[in-house]
Amino acid sequence: MAKCTICGNKIAELFLEKLKGTIIKKPGKSKQYPVCFECQKKFKNHEELMKEIK
């Protein structure tokens, strides 16, 4: 089970182990950062999400 990069909560999984949330990638990097649905609601656009990812 994956954890949210921003808040650290566990992310629920859907059918076939898909995350109930999204995966963010930094430009030019190959590392993926999972983000939960609640953090997606708080930070509306991609730039705000990128600022919160450390």
PDB file of N, CA and C in Angstrom:
ATOM      1  N   MET A   1       0.837  -1.177   0.000  1.00  0.00           N
ATOM      2  CA  MET A   1       0.000   0.000   0.000  1.00  0.00           C
ATOM      3  C   MET A   1       0.883   1.244   0.000  1.00  0.00           C
ATOM      4  N   ALA A   2       0.553   2.189  -0.841  1.00  0.00           N
ATOM      5  CA  ALA A   2       1.357   3.406  -0.984  1.00  0.00           C
ATOM      6  C   ALA A   2       0.949   4.458   0.049  1.00  0.00           C
ATOM      7  N   LYS A   3       1.873   5.363   0.338  1.00  0.00           N
ATOM      8  CA  LYS A   3       1.595   6.484   1.228  1.00  0.00           C
ATOM      9  C   LYS A   3       1.684   7.776   0.438  1.00  0.00           C
ATOM     10  N   CYS A   4       0.874   8.743   0.840  1.00  0.00           N
ATOM     11  CA  CYS A   4       0.878  10.056   0.201  1.00  0.00           C
ATOM     12  C   CYS A   4       2.199  10.757   0.505  1.00  0.00           C
ATOM     13  N   THR A   5       2.771  11.376  -0.498  1.00  0.00           N
ATOM     14  CA  THR A   5       4.040  12.081  -0.332  1.00  0.00           C
ATOM     15  C   THR A   5       3.870  13.331   0.517  1.00  0.00           C
ATOM     16  N   ILE A   6       2.706  13.975   0.450  1.00  0.00           N
ATOM     17  CA  ILE A   6       2.487  15.247   1.145  1.00  0.00           C
ATOM     18  C   ILE A   6       2.090  15.036   2.604  1.00  0.00           C
ATOM     19  N   CYS A   7       1.020  14.261   2.848  1.00  0.00           N
ATOM     20  CA  CYS A   7       0.508  14.125   4.215  1.00  0.00           C
ATOM     21  C   CYS A   7       0.947  12.841   4.908  1.00  0.00           C
ATOM     22  N   GLY A   8       1.382  11.828   4.177  1.00  0.00           N
ATOM     23  CA  GLY A   8       1.860  10.595   4.776  1.00  0.00           C
ATOM     24  C   GLY A   8       0.783   9.565   5.061  1.00  0.00           C
ATOM     25  N   ASN A   9      -0.488   9.856   4.723  1.00  0.00           N
ATOM     26  CA  ASN A   9      -1.562   8.893   4.937  1.00  0.00           C
ATOM     27  C   ASN A   9      -1.501   7.782   3.903  1.00  0.00           C
ATOM     28  N   LYS A  10      -2.029   6.622   4.270  1.00  0.00           N
ATOM     29  CA  LYS A  10      -2.088   5.514   3.322  1.00  0.00           C
ATOM     30  C   LYS A  10      -3.123   5.818   2.250  1.00  0.00           C
ATOM     31  N   ILE A  11      -2.830   5.438   1.016  1.00  0.00           N
ATOM     32  CA  ILE A  11      -3.727   5.681  -0.103  1.00  0.00           C
ATOM     33  C   ILE A  11      -4.486   4.394  -0.395  1.00  0.00           C
ATOM     34  N   ALA A  12      -5.805   4.509  -0.483  1.00  0.00           N
ATOM     35  CA  ALA A  12      -6.646   3.348  -0.770  1.00  0.00           C
ATOM     36  C   ALA A  12      -6.391   2.859  -2.189  1.00  0.00           C
ATOM     37  N   GLU A  13      -6.524   1.556  -2.366  1.00  0.00           N
ATOM     38  CA  GLU A  13      -6.328   0.971  -3.686  1.00  0.00           C
ATOM     39  C   GLU A  13      -7.665   0.539  -4.260  1.00  0.00           C
ATOM     40  N   LEU A  14      -7.805   0.680  -5.548  1.00  0.00           N
ATOM     41  CA  LEU A  14      -8.995   0.261  -6.262  1.00  0.00           C
ATOM     42  C   LEU A  14      -8.726  -1.083  -6.922  1.00  0.00           C
ATOM     43  N   PHE A  15      -9.569  -1.448  -7.834  1.00  0.00           N
ATOM     44  CA  PHE A  15      -9.460  -2.695  -8.576  1.00  0.00           C
ATOM     45  C   PHE A  15      -8.104  -2.784  -9.275  1.00  0.00           C
ATOM     46  N   LEU A  16      -7.486  -3.947  -9.241  1.00  0.00           N
ATOM     47  CA  LEU A  16      -6.182  -4.220  -9.861  1.00  0.00           C
ATOM     48  C   LEU A  16      -5.070  -3.321  -9.328  1.00  0.00           C
ATOM     49  N   GLU A  17      -5.107  -3.024  -8.027  1.00  0.00           N
ATOM     50  CA  GLU A  17      -4.070  -2.275  -7.321  1.00  0.00           C
ATOM     51  C   GLU A  17      -3.824  -0.866  -7.863  1.00  0.00           C
ATOM     52  N   LYS A  18      -4.849  -0.249  -8.451  1.00  0.00           N
ATOM     53  CA  LYS A  18      -4.723   1.148  -8.871  1.00  0.00           C
ATOM     54  C   LYS A  18      -4.979   2.038  -7.662  1.00  0.00           C
ATOM     55  N   LEU A  19      -4.272   3.153  -7.567  1.00  0.00           N
ATOM     56  CA  LEU A  19      -4.392   4.049  -6.429  1.00  0.00           C
ATOM     57  C   LEU A  19      -5.606   4.955  -6.563  1.00  0.00           C
ATOM     58  N   LYS A  20      -6.250   5.254  -5.434  1.00  0.00           N
ATOM     59  CA  LYS A  20      -7.326   6.239  -5.420  1.00  0.00           C
ATOM     60  C   LYS A  20      -6.667   7.587  -5.141  1.00  0.00           C
ATOM     61  N   GLY A  21      -6.112   8.156  -6.173  1.00  0.00           N
ATOM     62  CA  GLY A  21      -5.356   9.393  -6.090  1.00  0.00           C
ATOM     63  C   GLY A  21      -4.653   9.596  -7.416  1.00  0.00           C
ATOM     64  N   THR A  22      -3.512  10.220  -7.380  1.00  0.00           N
ATOM     65  CA  THR A  22      -2.757  10.455  -8.602  1.00  0.00           C
ATOM     66  C   THR A  22      -1.275  10.261  -8.336  1.00  0.00           C
ATOM     67  N   ILE A  23      -0.530  10.205  -9.402  1.00  0.00           N
ATOM     68  CA  ILE A  23       0.917  10.100  -9.307  1.00  0.00           C
ATOM     69  C   ILE A  23       1.512  11.306 -10.020  1.00  0.00           C
ATOM     70  N   ILE A  24       2.359  12.050  -9.323  1.00  0.00           N
ATOM     71  CA  ILE A  24       2.979  13.263  -9.848  1.00  0.00           C
ATOM     72  C   ILE A  24       4.432  12.948 -10.189  1.00  0.00           C
ATOM     73  N   LYS A  25       4.888  13.451 -11.319  1.00  0.00           N
ATOM     74  CA  LYS A  25       6.291  13.330 -11.710  1.00  0.00           C
ATOM     75  C   LYS A  25       6.864  14.726 -11.871  1.00  0.00           C
ATOM     76  N   LYS A  26       8.065  14.928 -11.365  1.00  0.00           N
ATOM     77  CA  LYS A  26       8.742  16.204 -11.558  1.00  0.00           C
ATOM     78  C   LYS A  26       9.300  16.244 -12.977  1.00  0.00           C
ATOM     79  N   PRO A  27       9.265  17.403 -13.611  1.00  0.00           N
ATOM     80  CA  PRO A  27       9.796  17.502 -14.980  1.00  0.00           C
ATOM     81  C   PRO A  27      11.274  17.139 -15.039  1.00  0.00           C
ATOM     82  N   GLY A  28      11.624  16.288 -15.980  1.00  0.00           N
ATOM     83  CA  GLY A  28      13.003  15.878 -16.161  1.00  0.00           C
ATOM     84  C   GLY A  28      13.463  14.771 -15.230  1.00  0.00           C
ATOM     85  N   LYS A  29      12.603  14.306 -14.355  1.00  0.00           N
ATOM     86  CA  LYS A  29      12.952  13.246 -13.406  1.00  0.00           C
ATOM     87  C   LYS A  29      12.081  12.021 -13.684  1.00  0.00           C
ATOM     88  N   SER A  30      12.539  10.860 -13.270  1.00  0.00           N
ATOM     89  CA  SER A  30      11.758   9.647 -13.488  1.00  0.00           C
ATOM     90  C   SER A  30      11.075   9.165 -12.214  1.00  0.00           C
ATOM     91  N   LYS A  31      11.371   9.776 -11.059  1.00  0.00           N
ATOM     92  CA  LYS A  31      10.754   9.359  -9.807  1.00  0.00           C
ATOM     93  C   LYS A  31       9.292   9.781  -9.769  1.00  0.00           C
ATOM     94  N   GLN A  32       8.444   8.898  -9.225  1.00  0.00           N
ATOM     95  CA  GLN A  32       7.016   9.161  -9.138  1.00  0.00           C
ATOM     96  C   GLN A  32       6.625   9.406  -7.685  1.00  0.00           C
ATOM     97  N   TYR A  33       5.708  10.363  -7.475  1.00  0.00           N
ATOM     98  CA  TYR A  33       5.253  10.725  -6.144  1.00  0.00           C
ATOM     99  C   TYR A  33       3.748  10.505  -6.056  1.00  0.00           C
ATOM    100  N   PRO A  34       3.277   9.538  -5.263  1.00  0.00           N
ATOM    101  CA  PRO A  34       1.836   9.343  -5.120  1.00  0.00           C
ATOM    102  C   PRO A  34       1.229  10.429  -4.236  1.00  0.00           C
ATOM    103  N   VAL A  35       0.036  10.900  -4.605  1.00  0.00           N
ATOM    104  CA  VAL A  35      -0.668  11.936  -3.860  1.00  0.00           C
ATOM    105  C   VAL A  35      -2.099  11.461  -3.644  1.00  0.00           C
ATOM    106  N   CYS A  36      -2.596  11.564  -2.402  1.00  0.00           N
ATOM    107  CA  CYS A  36      -3.938  11.092  -2.075  1.00  0.00           C
ATOM    108  C   CYS A  36      -5.007  12.057  -2.599  1.00  0.00           C
ATOM    109  N   PHE A  37      -6.240  11.573  -2.590  1.00  0.00           N
ATOM    110  CA  PHE A  37      -7.378  12.324  -3.108  1.00  0.00           C
ATOM    111  C   PHE A  37      -7.632  13.588  -2.279  1.00  0.00           C
ATOM    112  N   GLU A  38      -7.440  13.502  -0.951  1.00  0.00           N
ATOM    113  CA  GLU A  38      -7.682  14.656  -0.083  1.00  0.00           C
ATOM    114  C   GLU A  38      -6.688  15.788  -0.364  1.00  0.00           C
ATOM    115  N   CYS A  39      -5.428  15.438  -0.607  1.00  0.00           N
ATOM    116  CA  CYS A  39      -4.427  16.468  -0.929  1.00  0.00           C
ATOM    117  C   CYS A  39      -4.683  17.064  -2.308  1.00  0.00           C
ATOM    118  N   GLN A  40      -5.242  16.281  -3.208  1.00  0.00           N
ATOM    119  CA  GLN A  40      -5.604  16.821  -4.519  1.00  0.00           C
ATOM    120  C   GLN A  40      -6.678  17.890  -4.377  1.00  0.00           C
ATOM    121  N   LYS A  41      -7.613  17.691  -3.432  1.00  0.00           N
ATOM    122  CA  LYS A  41      -8.665  18.685  -3.202  1.00  0.00           C
ATOM    123  C   LYS A  41      -8.089  19.978  -2.635  1.00  0.00           C
ATOM    124  N   LYS A  42      -7.116  19.845  -1.707  1.00  0.00           N
ATOM    125  CA  LYS A  42      -6.514  21.017  -1.072  1.00  0.00           C
ATOM    126  C   LYS A  42      -5.731  21.857  -2.068  1.00  0.00           C
ATOM    127  N   PHE A  43      -4.924  21.202  -2.886  1.00  0.00           N
ATOM    128  CA  PHE A  43      -4.031  21.886  -3.815  1.00  0.00           C
ATOM    129  C   PHE A  43      -4.555  21.653  -5.229  1.00  0.00           C
ATOM    130  N   LYS A  44      -5.210  22.646  -5.788  1.00  0.00           N
ATOM    131  CA  LYS A  44      -5.979  22.488  -7.023  1.00  0.00           C
ATOM    132  C   LYS A  44      -5.127  22.284  -8.271  1.00  0.00           C
ATOM    133  N   ASN A  45      -4.017  22.992  -8.405  1.00  0.00           N
ATOM    134  CA  ASN A  45      -3.270  22.861  -9.661  1.00  0.00           C
ATOM    135  C   ASN A  45      -1.923  22.165  -9.447  1.00  0.00           C
ATOM    136  N   HIS A  46      -1.286  21.858 -10.553  1.00  0.00           N
ATOM    137  CA  HIS A  46      -0.039  21.084 -10.541  1.00  0.00           C
ATOM    138  C   HIS A  46       1.093  21.833  -9.842  1.00  0.00           C
ATOM    139  N   GLU A  47       1.141  23.148 -10.003  1.00  0.00           N
ATOM    140  CA  GLU A  47       2.212  23.931  -9.396  1.00  0.00           C
ATOM    141  C   GLU A  47       2.141  23.891  -7.871  1.00  0.00           C
ATOM    142  N   GLU A  48       0.931  23.965  -7.304  1.00  0.00           N
ATOM    143  CA  GLU A  48       0.784  23.907  -5.854  1.00  0.00           C
ATOM    144  C   GLU A  48       1.191  22.539  -5.319  1.00  0.00           C
ATOM    145  N   LEU A  49       0.854  21.476  -6.032  1.00  0.00           N
ATOM    146  CA  LEU A  49       1.261  20.135  -5.627  1.00  0.00           C
ATOM    147  C   LEU A  49       2.778  19.996  -5.656  1.00  0.00           C
ATOM    148  N   MET A  50       3.401  20.546  -6.684  1.00  0.00           N
ATOM    149  CA  MET A  50       4.857  20.453  -6.804  1.00  0.00           C
ATOM    150  C   MET A  50       5.569  21.183  -5.675  1.00  0.00           C
ATOM    151  N   LYS A  51       5.009  22.314  -5.203  1.00  0.00           N
ATOM    152  CA  LYS A  51       5.610  23.058  -4.096  1.00  0.00           C
ATOM    153  C   LYS A  51       5.552  22.258  -2.803  1.00  0.00           C
ATOM    154  N   GLU A  52       4.472  21.487  -2.601  1.00  0.00           N
ATOM    155  CA  GLU A  52       4.298  20.723  -1.369  1.00  0.00           C
ATOM    156  C   GLU A  52       5.149  19.472  -1.310  1.00  0.00           C
ATOM    157  N   ILE A  53       5.525  18.928  -2.480  1.00  0.00           N
ATOM    158  CA  ILE A  53       6.369  17.736  -2.521  1.00  0.00           C
ATOM    159  C   ILE A  53       7.800  18.145  -2.186  1.00  0.00           C
ATOM    160  N   LYS A  54       8.370  17.492  -1.225  1.00  0.00           N
ATOM    161  CA  LYS A  54       9.716  17.865  -0.775  1.00  0.00           C
ATOM    162  C   LYS A  54      10.776  17.129  -1.509  1.00  0.00           C
TER     163      LYS A  54
END
